């Protein structure tokens, strides 16, 4: 693992763990929740979006830095990738429609 890969892994994992921790804290302690913020003018959304972008940036960066390192055949990648994207989108759209 190169230094760049190590940095990306650490940034991605730490950002993701902080986001998951904040979500779990908000579920367990609703009176002291972090998300959604209690106040109208809060820095919490800025921090949450920053951490989210850090996770996505780390994943994209790892994909660029470590391109083709997986020992998976290309046909399998092209079969699994779109399937996972479709499932993720279906879950996102289901969640969005359930909020309406």
C-alpha atoms as a PDB file:
ATOM      1  CA  UNK A   1       0.000   0.000   0.000  1.00  0.00           C
ATOM      2  CA  UNK A   2       1.378   3.370  -0.975  1.00  0.00           C
ATOM      3  CA  UNK A   3       1.277   6.467   1.232  1.00  0.00           C
ATOM      4  CA  UNK A   4      -1.492   7.986  -0.909  1.00  0.00           C
ATOM      5  CA  UNK A   5      -3.601   4.857  -0.565  1.00  0.00           C
ATOM      6  CA  UNK A   6      -3.025   4.792   3.189  1.00  0.00           C
ATOM      7  CA  UNK A   7      -4.091   8.413   3.550  1.00  0.00           C
ATOM      8  CA  UNK A   8      -7.208   7.840   1.473  1.00  0.00           C
ATOM      9  CA  UNK A   9      -8.140   4.747   3.494  1.00  0.00           C
ATOM     10  CA  UNK A  10      -7.665   6.559   6.819  1.00  0.00           C
ATOM     11  CA  UNK A  11      -9.613   9.654   5.690  1.00  0.00           C
ATOM     12  CA  UNK A  12     -12.445   7.553   4.284  1.00  0.00           C
ATOM     13  CA  UNK A  13     -12.720   5.252   7.284  1.00  0.00           C
ATOM     14  CA  UNK A  14     -12.506   8.005   9.906  1.00  0.00           C
ATOM     15  CA  UNK A  15     -15.042  10.190   8.090  1.00  0.00           C
ATOM     16  CA  UNK A  16     -17.411   7.262   7.679  1.00  0.00           C
ATOM     17  CA  UNK A  17     -17.068   6.214  11.312  1.00  0.00           C
ATOM     18  CA  UNK A  18     -17.780   9.752  12.526  1.00  0.00           C
ATOM     19  CA  UNK A  19     -20.896   9.911  10.345  1.00  0.00           C
ATOM     20  CA  UNK A  20     -22.132   6.511  11.529  1.00  0.00           C
ATOM     21  CA  UNK A  21     -21.350   7.429  15.134  1.00  0.00           C
ATOM     22  CA  UNK A  22     -23.318  10.686  14.862  1.00  0.00           C
ATOM     23  CA  UNK A  23     -26.262   8.853  13.333  1.00  0.00           C
ATOM     24  CA  UNK A  24     -26.248   6.173  16.028  1.00  0.00           C
ATOM     25  CA  UNK A  25     -25.931   8.828  18.753  1.00  0.00           C
ATOM     26  CA  UNK A  26     -28.944  10.631  17.293  1.00  0.00           C
ATOM     27  CA  UNK A  27     -30.968   7.412  17.294  1.00  0.00           C
ATOM     28  CA  UNK A  28     -30.030   6.389  20.834  1.00  0.00           C
ATOM     29  CA  UNK A  29     -30.302   9.884  22.361  1.00  0.00           C
ATOM     30  CA  UNK A  30     -33.015  11.765  20.447  1.00  0.00           C
ATOM     31  CA  UNK A  31     -33.084  14.580  23.026  1.00  0.00           C
ATOM     32  CA  UNK A  32     -29.385  15.280  22.356  1.00  0.00           C
ATOM     33  CA  UNK A  33     -29.400  14.391  18.696  1.00  0.00           C
ATOM     34  CA  UNK A  34     -26.791  15.567  16.258  1.00  0.00           C
ATOM     35  CA  UNK A  35     -28.776  14.910  13.100  1.00  0.00           C
ATOM     36  CA  UNK A  36     -31.063  16.554  12.114  1.00  0.00           C
ATOM     37  CA  UNK A  37     -29.780  19.680  13.856  1.00  0.00           C
ATOM     38  CA  UNK A  38     -31.941  21.209  16.580  1.00  0.00           C
ATOM     39  CA  UNK A  39     -31.226  24.798  15.555  1.00  0.00           C
ATOM     40  CA  UNK A  40     -32.128  26.484  12.314  1.00  0.00           C
ATOM     41  CA  UNK A  41     -28.696  28.063  11.837  1.00  0.00           C
ATOM     42  CA  UNK A  42     -26.255  25.286  12.645  1.00  0.00           C
ATOM     43  CA  UNK A  43     -22.860  24.216  11.333  1.00  0.00           C
ATOM     44  CA  UNK A  44     -23.859  20.553  11.650  1.00  0.00           C
ATOM     45  CA  UNK A  45     -25.089  20.257   8.017  1.00  0.00           C
ATOM     46  CA  UNK A  46     -21.822  21.758   6.766  1.00  0.00           C
ATOM     47  CA  UNK A  47     -19.808  19.280   8.839  1.00  0.00           C
ATOM     48  CA  UNK A  48     -22.020  16.353   7.780  1.00  0.00           C
ATOM     49  CA  UNK A  49     -21.736  17.225   4.084  1.00  0.00           C
ATOM     50  CA  UNK A  50     -17.996  17.755   4.447  1.00  0.00           C
ATOM     51  CA  UNK A  51     -17.564  14.309   5.995  1.00  0.00           C
ATOM     52  CA  UNK A  52     -19.812  12.759   3.344  1.00  0.00           C
ATOM     53  CA  UNK A  53     -17.758  14.361   0.573  1.00  0.00           C
ATOM     54  CA  UNK A  54     -14.581  13.145   2.300  1.00  0.00           C
ATOM     55  CA  UNK A  55     -15.861   9.559   2.247  1.00  0.00           C
ATOM     56  CA  UNK A  56     -16.893   9.763  -1.421  1.00  0.00           C
ATOM     57  CA  UNK A  57     -13.667  11.558  -2.336  1.00  0.00           C
ATOM     58  CA  UNK A  58     -11.594   8.874  -0.621  1.00  0.00           C
ATOM     59  CA  UNK A  59     -13.462   6.098  -2.421  1.00  0.00           C
ATOM     60  CA  UNK A  60     -13.086   7.816  -5.790  1.00  0.00           C
ATOM     61  CA  UNK A  61      -9.437   8.578  -5.052  1.00  0.00           C
ATOM     62  CA  UNK A  62      -8.752   4.946  -4.159  1.00  0.00           C
ATOM     63  CA  UNK A  63     -10.441   3.906  -7.374  1.00  0.00           C
ATOM     64  CA  UNK A  64      -8.153   6.195  -9.359  1.00  0.00           C
ATOM     65  CA  UNK A  65      -4.937   5.420  -7.466  1.00  0.00           C
ATOM     66  CA  UNK A  66      -5.501   1.675  -7.245  1.00  0.00           C
ATOM     67  CA  UNK A  67      -7.150   1.122 -10.638  1.00  0.00           C
ATOM     68  CA  UNK A  68      -7.307  -2.517 -11.778  1.00  0.00           C
ATOM     69  CA  UNK A  69      -5.661  -3.940  -8.655  1.00  0.00           C
ATOM     70  CA  UNK A  70      -8.571  -6.273  -7.898  1.00  0.00           C
ATOM     71  CA  UNK A  71      -8.174  -9.725  -9.324  1.00  0.00           C
ATOM     72  CA  UNK A  72     -11.743  -9.716 -10.613  1.00  0.00           C
ATOM     73  CA  UNK A  73     -12.454 -10.370 -14.308  1.00  0.00           C
ATOM     74  CA  UNK A  74     -13.734  -7.354 -16.214  1.00  0.00           C
ATOM     75  CA  UNK A  75     -16.947  -9.157 -17.203  1.00  0.00           C
ATOM     76  CA  UNK A  76     -17.758  -9.688 -13.534  1.00  0.00           C
ATOM     77  CA  UNK A  77     -17.017  -6.038 -12.716  1.00  0.00           C
ATOM     78  CA  UNK A  78     -19.379  -4.891 -15.432  1.00  0.00           C
ATOM     79  CA  UNK A  79     -22.049  -7.290 -14.191  1.00  0.00           C
ATOM     80  CA  UNK A  80     -21.754  -6.469 -10.486  1.00  0.00           C
ATOM     81  CA  UNK A  81     -21.165  -2.707 -10.757  1.00  0.00           C
ATOM     82  CA  UNK A  82     -24.381  -1.697 -12.557  1.00  0.00           C
ATOM     83  CA  UNK A  83     -26.356  -4.107 -10.363  1.00  0.00           C
ATOM     84  CA  UNK A  84     -25.059  -2.440  -7.194  1.00  0.00           C
ATOM     85  CA  UNK A  85     -25.701   1.016  -8.644  1.00  0.00           C
ATOM     86  CA  UNK A  86     -29.278   0.045  -9.542  1.00  0.00           C
ATOM     87  CA  UNK A  87     -29.950  -1.438  -6.087  1.00  0.00           C
ATOM     88  CA  UNK A  88     -28.517   1.665  -4.413  1.00  0.00           C
ATOM     89  CA  UNK A  89     -30.686   3.936  -6.534  1.00  0.00           C
ATOM     90  CA  UNK A  90     -33.784   1.857  -5.837  1.00  0.00           C
ATOM     91  CA  UNK A  91     -33.157   2.144  -2.100  1.00  0.00           C
ATOM     92  CA  UNK A  92     -32.568   5.898  -2.383  1.00  0.00           C
ATOM     93  CA  UNK A  93     -35.741   6.438  -4.422  1.00  0.00           C
ATOM     94  CA  UNK A  94     -37.755   4.231  -2.044  1.00  0.00           C
ATOM     95  CA  UNK A  95     -36.510   6.324   0.865  1.00  0.00           C
ATOM     96  CA  UNK A  96     -37.336   9.548  -0.949  1.00  0.00           C
ATOM     97  CA  UNK A  97     -40.839   8.399  -1.867  1.00  0.00           C
ATOM     98  CA  UNK A  98     -41.542   7.244   1.698  1.00  0.00           C
ATOM     99  CA  UNK A  99     -40.797  10.765   2.973  1.00  0.00           C
ATOM    100  CA  UNK A 100     -43.551  12.298   0.851  1.00  0.00           C
END
